[in-house]
Structure formats: C-alpha cells, structure tokens
Amino acid sequence: NLLSLSSGWQKDGLIVLFDTGDAEAERQAEQ
C-alpha cells in the first residue's frame, strides 16, 4: 500500500523507510 499512501507526500521531501532488517525498505525506497 506504500505507493497509494505516498500520493499526498511531497516529491522533494525527506522519506525514511525501515523494516525488520530484511531489505524490504531498500526495495520500497527504489520503488
């Protein structure tokens, strides 16, 4: 649901993602 949730975020604003340490945050950051 991350992409749909992000629709209201600023494109040039700072976004920091975190996970359980399983690299999901890095994958979603690339998306």
Full PDB file with SEQRES, HELIX, SHEET, SSBOND, CRYST1, ORIGX, SCALE, CONECT and MASTER records, all heavy atoms in Angstrom:
SEQRES   1 A   31  ASN LEU LEU SER LEU SER SER GLY TRP GLN LYS ASP GLY          
SEQRES   2 A   31  LEU ILE VAL LEU PHE ASP THR GLY ASP ALA GLU ALA GLU          
SEQRES   3 A   31  ARG GLN ALA GLU GLN                                          
HELIX    1 AA1 LEU A    2  LEU A    5  1                                   4    
HELIX    2 AA2 SER A    6  GLY A    8  5                                   3    
HELIX    3 AA3 GLU A   24  GLU A   30  1                                   7    
CRYST1    1.000    1.000    1.000  90.00  90.00  90.00 P 1           1          
ORIGX1      1.000000  0.000000  0.000000        0.00000                         
ORIGX2      0.000000  1.000000  0.000000        0.00000                         
ORIGX3      0.000000  0.000000  1.000000        0.00000                         
SCALE1      1.000000  0.000000  0.000000        0.00000                         
SCALE2      0.000000  1.000000  0.000000        0.00000                         
SCALE3      0.000000  0.000000  1.000000        0.00000                         
ATOM      1  N   ASN A   1       0.807  -1.224   0.000  1.00  0.00           N  
ATOM      2  CA  ASN A   1       0.000   0.000   0.000  1.00  0.00           C  
ATOM      3  C   ASN A   1       0.841   1.275   0.000  1.00  0.00           C  
ATOM      4  O   ASN A   1       0.287   2.380   0.040  1.00  0.00           O  
ATOM      5  CB  ASN A   1      -0.921   0.027   1.225  1.00  0.00           C  
ATOM      6  CG  ASN A   1      -1.869  -1.143   1.253  1.00  0.00           C  
ATOM      7  OD1 ASN A   1      -2.279  -1.642   0.209  1.00  0.00           O  
ATOM      8  ND2 ASN A   1      -2.227  -1.596   2.453  1.00  0.00           N  
ATOM      9  N   LEU A   2       2.151   1.136  -0.063  1.00  0.00           N  
ATOM     10  CA  LEU A   2       3.014   2.295   0.114  1.00  0.00           C  
ATOM     11  C   LEU A   2       2.820   3.346  -0.980  1.00  0.00           C  
ATOM     12  O   LEU A   2       2.730   4.544  -0.694  1.00  0.00           O  
ATOM     13  CB  LEU A   2       4.480   1.862   0.172  1.00  0.00           C  
ATOM     14  CG  LEU A   2       5.493   2.971   0.452  1.00  0.00           C  
ATOM     15  CD1 LEU A   2       5.223   3.621   1.801  1.00  0.00           C  
ATOM     16  CD2 LEU A   2       6.916   2.423   0.402  1.00  0.00           C  
ATOM     17  N   LEU A   3       2.746   2.919  -2.219  1.00  0.00           N  
ATOM     18  CA  LEU A   3       2.622   3.886  -3.311  1.00  0.00           C  
ATOM     19  C   LEU A   3       1.333   4.685  -3.221  1.00  0.00           C  
ATOM     20  O   LEU A   3       1.322   5.900  -3.440  1.00  0.00           O  
ATOM     21  CB  LEU A   3       2.718   3.183  -4.669  1.00  0.00           C  
ATOM     22  CG  LEU A   3       4.124   2.771  -5.116  1.00  0.00           C  
ATOM     23  CD1 LEU A   3       4.071   2.066  -6.459  1.00  0.00           C  
ATOM     24  CD2 LEU A   3       5.042   3.988  -5.195  1.00  0.00           C  
ATOM     25  N   SER A   4       0.233   4.031  -2.887  1.00  0.00           N  
ATOM     26  CA  SER A   4      -1.028   4.753  -2.761  1.00  0.00           C  
ATOM     27  C   SER A   4      -0.994   5.704  -1.571  1.00  0.00           C  
ATOM     28  O   SER A   4      -1.504   6.827  -1.634  1.00  0.00           O  
ATOM     29  CB  SER A   4      -2.200   3.786  -2.640  1.00  0.00           C  
ATOM     30  OG  SER A   4      -2.054   2.954  -1.499  1.00  0.00           O  
ATOM     31  N   LEU A   5      -0.363   5.271  -0.471  1.00  0.00           N  
ATOM     32  CA  LEU A   5      -0.247   6.127   0.701  1.00  0.00           C  
ATOM     33  C   LEU A   5       0.606   7.356   0.417  1.00  0.00           C  
ATOM     34  O   LEU A   5       0.355   8.440   0.957  1.00  0.00           O  
ATOM     35  CB  LEU A   5       0.353   5.334   1.856  1.00  0.00           C  
ATOM     36  CG  LEU A   5       0.556   6.074   3.186  1.00  0.00           C  
ATOM     37  CD1 LEU A   5      -0.795   6.483   3.774  1.00  0.00           C  
ATOM     38  CD2 LEU A   5       1.333   5.216   4.170  1.00  0.00           C  
ATOM     39  N   SER A   6       1.576   7.214  -0.461  1.00  0.00           N  
ATOM     40  CA  SER A   6       2.524   8.287  -0.729  1.00  0.00           C  
ATOM     41  C   SER A   6       1.973   9.384  -1.630  1.00  0.00           C  
ATOM     42  O   SER A   6       2.663  10.376  -1.883  1.00  0.00           O  
ATOM     43  CB  SER A   6       3.800   7.717  -1.365  1.00  0.00           C  
ATOM     44  OG  SER A   6       3.520   7.220  -2.673  1.00  0.00           O  
ATOM     45  N   SER A   7       0.754   9.229  -2.105  1.00  0.00           N  
ATOM     46  CA  SER A   7       0.209  10.194  -3.065  1.00  0.00           C  
ATOM     47  C   SER A   7       0.134  11.611  -2.499  1.00  0.00           C  
ATOM     48  O   SER A   7       0.194  12.585  -3.248  1.00  0.00           O  
ATOM     49  CB  SER A   7      -1.182   9.753  -3.523  1.00  0.00           C  
ATOM     50  OG  SER A   7      -2.078   9.664  -2.417  1.00  0.00           O  
ATOM     51  N   GLY A   8       0.052  11.744  -1.184  1.00  0.00           N  
ATOM     52  CA  GLY A   8      -0.031  13.074  -0.589  1.00  0.00           C  
ATOM     53  C   GLY A   8       1.299  13.617  -0.103  1.00  0.00           C  
ATOM     54  O   GLY A   8       1.332  14.709   0.476  1.00  0.00           O  
ATOM     55  N   TRP A   9       2.376  12.899  -0.321  1.00  0.00           N  
ATOM     56  CA  TRP A   9       3.683  13.342   0.152  1.00  0.00           C  
ATOM     57  C   TRP A   9       4.365  14.241  -0.867  1.00  0.00           C  
ATOM     58  O   TRP A   9       4.145  14.113  -2.076  1.00  0.00           O  
ATOM     59  CB  TRP A   9       4.572  12.139   0.447  1.00  0.00           C  
ATOM     60  CG  TRP A   9       4.036  11.221   1.500  1.00  0.00           C  
ATOM     61  CD1 TRP A   9       3.045  11.488   2.410  1.00  0.00           C  
ATOM     62  CD2 TRP A   9       4.464   9.877   1.753  1.00  0.00           C  
ATOM     63  NE1 TRP A   9       2.825  10.402   3.207  1.00  0.00           N  
ATOM     64  CE2 TRP A   9       3.685   9.384   2.839  1.00  0.00           C  
ATOM     65  CE3 TRP A   9       5.415   9.040   1.191  1.00  0.00           C  
ATOM     66  CZ2 TRP A   9       3.835   8.102   3.341  1.00  0.00           C  
ATOM     67  CZ3 TRP A   9       5.576   7.756   1.695  1.00  0.00           C  
ATOM     68  CH2 TRP A   9       4.790   7.303   2.775  1.00  0.00           C  
ATOM     69  N   GLN A  10       5.214  15.121  -0.396  1.00  0.00           N  
ATOM     70  CA  GLN A  10       5.964  15.996  -1.290  1.00  0.00           C  
ATOM     71  C   GLN A  10       7.058  15.207  -2.007  1.00  0.00           C  
ATOM     72  O   GLN A  10       7.772  14.420  -1.390  1.00  0.00           O  
ATOM     73  CB  GLN A  10       6.595  17.142  -0.504  1.00  0.00           C  
ATOM     74  CG  GLN A  10       5.596  18.116   0.095  1.00  0.00           C  
ATOM     75  CD  GLN A  10       6.284  19.257   0.828  1.00  0.00           C  
ATOM     76  OE1 GLN A  10       7.457  19.173   1.158  1.00  0.00           O  
ATOM     77  NE2 GLN A  10       5.546  20.322   1.063  1.00  0.00           N  
ATOM     78  N   LYS A  11       7.193  15.474  -3.292  1.00  0.00           N  
ATOM     79  CA  LYS A  11       8.182  14.742  -4.091  1.00  0.00           C  
ATOM     80  C   LYS A  11       9.621  15.051  -3.676  1.00  0.00           C  
ATOM     81  O   LYS A  11      10.511  14.229  -3.863  1.00  0.00           O  
ATOM     82  CB  LYS A  11       8.001  15.074  -5.575  1.00  0.00           C  
ATOM     83  CG  LYS A  11       6.702  14.571  -6.179  1.00  0.00           C  
ATOM     84  CD  LYS A  11       6.698  13.065  -6.334  1.00  0.00           C  
ATOM     85  CE  LYS A  11       5.458  12.581  -7.089  1.00  0.00           C  
ATOM     86  NZ  LYS A  11       5.449  11.124  -7.294  1.00  0.00           N  
ATOM     87  N   ASP A  12       9.847  16.256  -3.138  1.00  0.00           N  
ATOM     88  CA  ASP A  12      11.209  16.617  -2.739  1.00  0.00           C  
ATOM     89  C   ASP A  12      11.394  16.592  -1.228  1.00  0.00           C  
ATOM     90  O   ASP A  12      12.389  17.088  -0.711  1.00  0.00           O  
ATOM     91  CB  ASP A  12      11.594  17.989  -3.288  1.00  0.00           C  
ATOM     92  CG  ASP A  12      10.703  19.108  -2.752  1.00  0.00           C  
ATOM     93  OD1 ASP A  12       9.669  18.797  -2.124  1.00  0.00           O  
ATOM     94  OD2 ASP A  12      11.039  20.285  -2.961  1.00  0.00           O  
ATOM     95  N   GLY A  13      10.433  16.004  -0.510  1.00  0.00           N  
ATOM     96  CA  GLY A  13      10.553  15.890   0.944  1.00  0.00           C  
ATOM     97  C   GLY A  13      11.298  14.630   1.345  1.00  0.00           C  
ATOM     98  O   GLY A  13      11.361  13.655   0.586  1.00  0.00           O  
ATOM     99  N   LEU A  14      11.873  14.649   2.521  1.00  0.00           N  
ATOM    100  CA  LEU A  14      12.623  13.503   3.014  1.00  0.00           C  
ATOM    101  C   LEU A  14      11.679  12.397   3.462  1.00  0.00           C  
ATOM    102  O   LEU A  14      10.748  12.633   4.236  1.00  0.00           O  
ATOM    103  CB  LEU A  14      13.514  13.938   4.181  1.00  0.00           C  
ATOM    104  CG  LEU A  14      14.262  12.825   4.920  1.00  0.00           C  
ATOM    105  CD1 LEU A  14      15.198  12.074   3.979  1.00  0.00           C  
ATOM    106  CD2 LEU A  14      15.041  13.404   6.099  1.00  0.00           C  
ATOM    107  N   ILE A  15      11.951  11.182   2.969  1.00  0.00           N  
ATOM    108  CA  ILE A  15      11.188   9.992   3.351  1.00  0.00           C  
ATOM    109  C   ILE A  15      12.185   8.937   3.831  1.00  0.00           C  
ATOM    110  O   ILE A  15      13.141   8.611   3.116  1.00  0.00           O  
ATOM    111  CB  ILE A  15      10.377   9.432   2.168  1.00  0.00           C  
ATOM    112  CG1 ILE A  15       9.412  10.494   1.631  1.00  0.00           C  
ATOM    113  CG2 ILE A  15       9.615   8.182   2.580  1.00  0.00           C  
ATOM    114  CD1 ILE A  15       8.781  10.112   0.302  1.00  0.00           C  
ATOM    115  N   VAL A  16      11.976   8.414   5.018  1.00  0.00           N  
ATOM    116  CA  VAL A  16      12.845   7.371   5.561  1.00  0.00           C  
ATOM    117  C   VAL A  16      11.997   6.136   5.848  1.00  0.00           C  
ATOM    118  O   VAL A  16      10.999   6.208   6.572  1.00  0.00           O  
ATOM    119  CB  VAL A  16      13.559   7.832   6.846  1.00  0.00           C  
ATOM    120  CG1 VAL A  16      14.424   6.700   7.400  1.00  0.00           C  
ATOM    121  CG2 VAL A  16      14.406   9.074   6.585  1.00  0.00           C  
ATOM    122  N   LEU A  17      12.386   5.007   5.266  1.00  0.00           N  
ATOM    123  CA  LEU A  17      11.680   3.745   5.431  1.00  0.00           C  
ATOM    124  C   LEU A  17      12.513   2.799   6.310  1.00  0.00           C  
ATOM    125  O   LEU A  17      13.748   2.791   6.229  1.00  0.00           O  
ATOM    126  CB  LEU A  17      11.448   3.070   4.078  1.00  0.00           C  
ATOM    127  CG  LEU A  17      10.834   3.926   2.957  1.00  0.00           C  
ATOM    128  CD1 LEU A  17      10.741   3.103   1.679  1.00  0.00           C  
ATOM    129  CD2 LEU A  17       9.472   4.455   3.349  1.00  0.00           C  
ATOM    130  N   PHE A  18      11.826   1.990   7.117  1.00  0.00           N  
ATOM    131  CA  PHE A  18      12.558   0.969   7.859  1.00  0.00           C  
ATOM    132  C   PHE A  18      11.727  -0.307   7.964  1.00  0.00           C  
ATOM    133  O   PHE A  18      10.493  -0.290   7.836  1.00  0.00           O  
ATOM    134  CB  PHE A  18      12.999   1.465   9.243  1.00  0.00           C  
ATOM    135  CG  PHE A  18      11.891   1.808  10.201  1.00  0.00           C  
ATOM    136  CD1 PHE A  18      11.430   0.875  11.129  1.00  0.00           C  
ATOM    137  CD2 PHE A  18      11.320   3.073  10.198  1.00  0.00           C  
ATOM    138  CE1 PHE A  18      10.426   1.194  12.030  1.00  0.00           C  
ATOM    139  CE2 PHE A  18      10.316   3.401  11.101  1.00  0.00           C  
ATOM    140  CZ  PHE A  18       9.863   2.460  12.015  1.00  0.00           C  
ATOM    141  N   ASP A  19      12.421  -1.409   8.174  1.00  0.00           N  
ATOM    142  CA  ASP A  19      11.805  -2.733   8.164  1.00  0.00           C  
ATOM    143  C   ASP A  19      12.370  -3.558   9.310  1.00  0.00           C  
ATOM    144  O   ASP A  19      12.863  -3.018  10.293  1.00  0.00           O  
ATOM    145  CB  ASP A  19      12.046  -3.409   6.806  1.00  0.00           C  
ATOM    146  CG  ASP A  19      13.530  -3.407   6.419  1.00  0.00           C  
ATOM    147  OD1 ASP A  19      14.384  -3.313   7.328  1.00  0.00           O  
ATOM    148  OD2 ASP A  19      13.842  -3.488   5.222  1.00  0.00           O  
ATOM    149  N   THR A  20      12.296  -4.870   9.175  1.00  0.00           N  
ATOM    150  CA  THR A  20      12.843  -5.768  10.198  1.00  0.00           C  
ATOM    151  C   THR A  20      14.303  -6.107   9.952  1.00  0.00           C  
ATOM    152  O   THR A  20      14.872  -6.942  10.648  1.00  0.00           O  
ATOM    153  CB  THR A  20      12.037  -7.078  10.231  1.00  0.00           C  
ATOM    154  OG1 THR A  20      12.133  -7.718   8.936  1.00  0.00           O  
ATOM    155  CG2 THR A  20      10.585  -6.818  10.576  1.00  0.00           C  
ATOM    156  N   GLY A  21      14.892  -5.481   8.950  1.00  0.00           N  
ATOM    157  CA  GLY A  21      16.253  -5.803   8.567  1.00  0.00           C  
ATOM    158  C   GLY A  21      16.318  -6.772   7.416  1.00  0.00           C  
ATOM    159  O   GLY A  21      17.393  -7.329   7.126  1.00  0.00           O  
ATOM    160  N   ASP A  22      15.185  -6.953   6.711  1.00  0.00           N  
ATOM    161  CA  ASP A  22      15.108  -7.937   5.626  1.00  0.00           C  
ATOM    162  C   ASP A  22      15.251  -7.327   4.232  1.00  0.00           C  
ATOM    163  O   ASP A  22      14.954  -7.988   3.234  1.00  0.00           O  
ATOM    164  CB  ASP A  22      13.785  -8.698   5.709  1.00  0.00           C  
ATOM    165  CG  ASP A  22      12.580  -7.770   5.600  1.00  0.00           C  
ATOM    166  OD1 ASP A  22      12.767  -6.546   5.467  1.00  0.00           O  
ATOM    167  OD2 ASP A  22      11.441  -8.273   5.666  1.00  0.00           O  
ATOM    168  N   ALA A  23      15.685  -6.078   4.130  1.00  0.00           N  
ATOM    169  CA  ALA A  23      15.918  -5.369   2.857  1.00  0.00           C  
ATOM    170  C   ALA A  23      14.646  -4.910   2.167  1.00  0.00           C  
ATOM    171  O   ALA A  23      14.696  -4.386   1.056  1.00  0.00           O  
ATOM    172  CB  ALA A  23      16.752  -6.209   1.896  1.00  0.00           C  
ATOM    173  N   GLU A  24      13.485  -5.090   2.791  1.00  0.00           N  
ATOM    174  CA  GLU A  24      12.239  -4.619   2.192  1.00  0.00           C  
ATOM    175  C   GLU A  24      12.236  -3.094   2.051  1.00  0.00           C  
ATOM    176  O   GLU A  24      11.743  -2.552   1.056  1.00  0.00           O  
ATOM    177  CB  GLU A  24      11.040  -5.060   3.031  1.00  0.00           C  
ATOM    178  CG  GLU A  24       9.683  -4.687   2.445  1.00  0.00           C  
ATOM    179  CD  GLU A  24       9.427  -5.349   1.103  1.00  0.00           C  
ATOM    180  OE1 GLU A  24       9.775  -6.541   0.935  1.00  0.00           O  
ATOM    181  OE2 GLU A  24       8.879  -4.672   0.217  1.00  0.00           O  
ATOM    182  N   ALA A  25      12.785  -2.406   3.024  1.00  0.00           N  
ATOM    183  CA  ALA A  25      12.810  -0.944   2.975  1.00  0.00           C  
ATOM    184  C   ALA A  25      13.626  -0.444   1.789  1.00  0.00           C  
ATOM    185  O   ALA A  25      13.236   0.521   1.123  1.00  0.00           O  
ATOM    186  CB  ALA A  25      13.370  -0.381   4.275  1.00  0.00           C  
ATOM    187  N   GLU A  26      14.728  -1.089   1.494  1.00  0.00           N  
ATOM    188  CA  GLU A  26      15.535  -0.681   0.340  1.00  0.00           C  
ATOM    189  C   GLU A  26      14.763  -0.898  -0.953  1.00  0.00           C  
ATOM    190  O   GLU A  26      14.773  -0.053  -1.847  1.00  0.00           O  
ATOM    191  CB  GLU A  26      16.856  -1.448   0.309  1.00  0.00           C  
ATOM    192  CG  GLU A  26      17.765  -1.020  -0.830  1.00  0.00           C  
ATOM    193  CD  GLU A  26      19.094  -1.738  -0.831  1.00  0.00           C  
ATOM    194  OE1 GLU A  26      19.299  -2.632   0.032  1.00  0.00           O  
ATOM    195  OE2 GLU A  26      19.934  -1.417  -1.679  1.00  0.00           O  
ATOM    196  N   ARG A  27      14.081  -2.040  -1.063  1.00  0.00           N  
ATOM    197  CA  ARG A  27      13.290  -2.310  -2.271  1.00  0.00           C  
ATOM    198  C   ARG A  27      12.182  -1.271  -2.444  1.00  0.00           C  
ATOM    199  O   ARG A  27      11.957  -0.763  -3.554  1.00  0.00           O  
ATOM    200  CB  ARG A  27      12.695  -3.718  -2.201  1.00  0.00           C  
ATOM    201  CG  ARG A  27      13.712  -4.841  -2.352  1.00  0.00           C  
ATOM    202  CD  ARG A  27      13.017  -6.187  -2.525  1.00  0.00           C  
ATOM    203  NE  ARG A  27      12.367  -6.626  -1.295  1.00  0.00           N  
ATOM    204  CZ  ARG A  27      12.971  -7.362  -0.362  1.00  0.00           C  
ATOM    205  NH1 ARG A  27      14.235  -7.718  -0.501  1.00  0.00           N  
ATOM    206  NH2 ARG A  27      12.309  -7.748   0.724  1.00  0.00           N  
ATOM    207  N   GLN A  28      11.502  -0.947  -1.366  1.00  0.00           N  
ATOM    208  CA  GLN A  28      10.419   0.026  -1.450  1.00  0.00           C  
ATOM    209  C   GLN A  28      10.952   1.439  -1.706  1.00  0.00           C  
ATOM    210  O   GLN A  28      10.293   2.247  -2.371  1.00  0.00           O  
ATOM    211  CB  GLN A  28       9.589  -0.004  -0.169  1.00  0.00           C  
ATOM    212  CG  GLN A  28       8.823  -1.304   0.044  1.00  0.00           C  
ATOM    213  CD  GLN A  28       7.891  -1.619  -1.125  1.00  0.00           C  
ATOM    214  OE1 GLN A  28       7.227  -0.744  -1.672  1.00  0.00           O  
ATOM    215  NE2 GLN A  28       7.848  -2.888  -1.506  1.00  0.00           N  
ATOM    216  N   ALA A  29      12.140   1.734  -1.193  1.00  0.00           N  
ATOM    217  CA  ALA A  29      12.756   3.027  -1.458  1.00  0.00           C  
ATOM    218  C   ALA A  29      13.035   3.203  -2.944  1.00  0.00           C  
ATOM    219  O   ALA A  29      12.819   4.275  -3.515  1.00  0.00           O  
ATOM    220  CB  ALA A  29      14.049   3.165  -0.647  1.00  0.00           C  
ATOM    221  N   GLU A  30      13.474   2.131  -3.586  1.00  0.00           N  
ATOM    222  CA  GLU A  30      13.713   2.196  -5.026  1.00  0.00           C  
ATOM    223  C   GLU A  30      12.408   2.399  -5.793  1.00  0.00           C  
ATOM    224  O   GLU A  30      12.360   3.135  -6.785  1.00  0.00           O  
ATOM    225  CB  GLU A  30      14.426   0.935  -5.484  1.00  0.00           C  
ATOM    226  CG  GLU A  30      15.875   0.841  -4.998  1.00  0.00           C  
ATOM    227  CD  GLU A  30      16.550  -0.450  -5.434  1.00  0.00           C  
ATOM    228  OE1 GLU A  30      15.879  -1.293  -6.055  1.00  0.00           O  
ATOM    229  OE2 GLU A  30      17.744  -0.596  -5.137  1.00  0.00           O  
ATOM    230  N   GLN A  31      11.332   1.791  -5.314  1.00  0.00           N  
ATOM    231  CA  GLN A  31      10.027   1.991  -5.957  1.00  0.00           C  
ATOM    232  C   GLN A  31       9.594   3.457  -5.846  1.00  0.00           C  
ATOM    233  O   GLN A  31       9.067   4.031  -6.810  1.00  0.00           O  
ATOM    234  CB  GLN A  31       8.981   1.083  -5.293  1.00  0.00           C  
ATOM    235  CG  GLN A  31       9.172  -0.402  -5.531  1.00  0.00           C  
ATOM    236  CD  GLN A  31       8.942  -0.808  -6.989  1.00  0.00           C  
ATOM    237  OE1 GLN A  31       8.223  -0.144  -7.724  1.00  0.00           O  
ATOM    238  NE2 GLN A  31       9.567  -1.902  -7.390  1.00  0.00           N  
TER     239      GLN A  31                                                      
MASTER        0    0    0    3    0    0    0    6  238    1    0    3          
END                                                                             
